[in-house]
Protein backbone atom coordinates (compact mmCIF):
# COMPACT_ATOMS: atom_id res chain seq x y z
CA MET A 1 -15.31 -32.21 9.73
CA ILE A 2 -13.31 -29.81 11.42
CA LEU A 3 -14.84 -27.71 13.99
CA ARG A 4 -14.34 -23.78 14.40
CA GLU A 5 -12.84 -24.90 18.47
CA GLY A 6 -10.70 -27.78 16.60
CA LYS A 7 -9.42 -24.82 13.95
CA ASN A 8 -8.93 -22.51 16.71
CA ARG A 9 -6.37 -24.76 18.75
CA VAL A 10 -4.37 -26.03 15.28
CA ARG A 11 -4.15 -21.40 15.18
CA ASP A 12 -2.58 -21.38 18.56
CA LEU A 13 0.13 -25.00 18.25
CA LEU A 14 0.95 -22.64 15.07
CA GLU A 15 0.82 -19.12 16.18
CA ALA A 16 3.46 -20.13 19.00
CA ASP A 17 5.90 -22.11 17.74
CA ILE A 18 7.00 -18.50 14.75
CA GLU A 19 9.97 -16.95 16.37
CA ASN A 20 11.06 -15.22 13.50
CA GLY A 21 11.24 -13.51 9.63
CA GLU A 22 14.38 -12.54 6.77
CA TYR A 23 14.49 -11.26 3.80
CA GLY A 24 16.16 -11.83 0.94
CA THR A 25 17.25 -10.85 -2.08
CA GLY A 26 16.33 -14.67 -3.82
CA THR A 27 13.86 -14.79 -7.45
CA THR A 28 12.82 -17.76 -8.05
CA ALA A 29 9.64 -18.86 -7.92
CA PRO A 30 8.50 -20.39 -3.91
CA THR A 31 8.49 -24.20 -3.75
CA ALA A 32 6.36 -26.83 -1.02
CA GLY A 33 9.72 -28.02 -1.30
CA ASP A 34 11.64 -25.64 0.14
CA THR A 35 13.18 -25.22 2.92
CA ASP A 36 15.18 -22.27 3.06
CA THR A 37 15.30 -18.50 1.79
CA GLY A 38 16.75 -18.65 -1.31
CA THR A 39 19.96 -15.87 -1.00
CA GLN A 40 19.40 -14.72 2.61
CA VAL A 41 20.19 -11.10 4.22
CA ALA A 42 21.30 -12.45 6.88
CA ASP A 43 21.02 -8.67 9.71
CA THR A 44 17.88 -8.97 8.40
CA GLU A 45 16.19 -12.30 11.11
CA VAL A 46 15.00 -10.92 13.80
CA GLU A 47 11.57 -11.33 15.86
CA THR A 48 8.42 -10.91 14.47
CA THR A 49 5.52 -10.09 16.33
CA ASN A 50 2.03 -12.60 15.95
CA THR A 51 -1.50 -11.88 16.71
CA LYS A 52 -3.98 -13.97 16.27
CA SER A 53 -8.22 -13.67 16.41
CA ASP A 54 -10.43 -16.50 15.51
CA LYS A 55 -9.04 -18.70 12.38
CA LEU A 56 -6.55 -16.23 11.58
CA ILE A 57 -2.76 -15.61 12.72
CA GLN A 58 -1.24 -12.07 12.35
CA ILE A 59 2.91 -11.47 11.33
CA VAL A 60 4.18 -8.64 11.44
CA HIS A 61 8.08 -8.29 10.67
CA GLU A 62 9.36 -5.01 10.71
CA ASN A 63 12.81 -4.22 9.26
CA ASN A 64 14.46 -0.83 10.00
CA PHE A 65 16.58 1.37 9.34
CA GLY A 66 20.02 -0.01 10.29
CA MET A 67 18.43 -3.98 8.54
CA GLY A 68 19.40 -5.36 4.73
CA ASN A 69 20.62 -1.72 3.48
CA GLY A 70 22.42 -1.96 0.22
CA SER A 71 20.19 -4.96 -0.88
CA SER A 72 17.72 -5.37 -3.12
CA LEU A 73 15.27 -7.13 -1.49
CA THR A 74 12.28 -9.90 -3.33
CA GLU A 75 11.35 -12.14 -0.57
CA PHE A 76 10.43 -12.61 2.80
CA THR A 77 10.54 -16.02 5.05
CA THR A 78 9.03 -16.56 8.13
CA TRP A 79 10.63 -20.03 10.33
CA CYS A 80 9.29 -21.66 12.84
CA ASN A 81 10.51 -24.28 15.79
CA SER A 82 13.48 -21.64 16.56
CA GLY A 83 14.19 -21.19 13.06
CA SER A 84 14.70 -24.74 12.37
CA THR A 85 11.72 -25.00 10.20
CA LEU A 86 10.75 -22.89 7.19
CA LEU A 87 7.39 -22.40 7.15
CA THR A 88 5.74 -19.55 4.39
CA ARG A 89 8.22 -17.69 1.75
CA ASN A 90 7.15 -14.32 -0.84
CA ILE A 91 8.52 -13.13 -3.79
CA PHE A 92 7.79 -9.17 -4.34
CA SER A 93 8.52 -6.54 -6.90
CA SER A 94 12.57 -5.35 -5.45
CA TYR A 95 13.28 -2.65 -2.86
CA ALA A 96 15.84 -0.96 -3.12
CA LYS A 97 16.44 -0.69 1.32
CA SER A 98 18.62 1.73 2.37
CA ASN A 99 19.45 3.60 6.12
CA ILE A 100 16.79 6.31 5.44
CA LYS A 101 13.93 3.28 4.57
CA THR A 102 11.78 1.32 6.92
CA MET A 103 10.25 -1.96 5.65
CA THR A 104 7.38 -3.98 7.32
CA ALA A 105 5.68 -7.22 6.19
CA THR A 106 2.74 -8.11 7.58
CA LYS A 107 1.32 -11.93 6.27
CA PHE A 108 -1.54 -13.44 7.45
CA ILE A 109 -1.96 -17.55 7.68
CA PHE A 110 -6.24 -18.05 7.89
CA ILE A 111 -6.87 -22.10 9.33
CA ASN A 112 -9.40 -23.22 6.79
């Protein structure tokens, strides 16, 4: 059995390594073997804001008015290790990004 203290240690190690997030326009369903964003929208890759609580990491990515404009965003990824390790990839309904819209992605990772 991994105890709460051990789970929170794993949480701390992982949270310290999560650095950025990125949107894309890919629509292929995520698989465990994915190693990159399906179709990157380069100007959306920015640092995330991460917070921790008991066995939980919250990851927030702010896509401001000047990022990803003209794209129909459909995926979001989070990265570790200076952008060399893909941690998560999610697909969502198309969002037409323009300079009058912002977008915030919030992810939760629960260490169970």
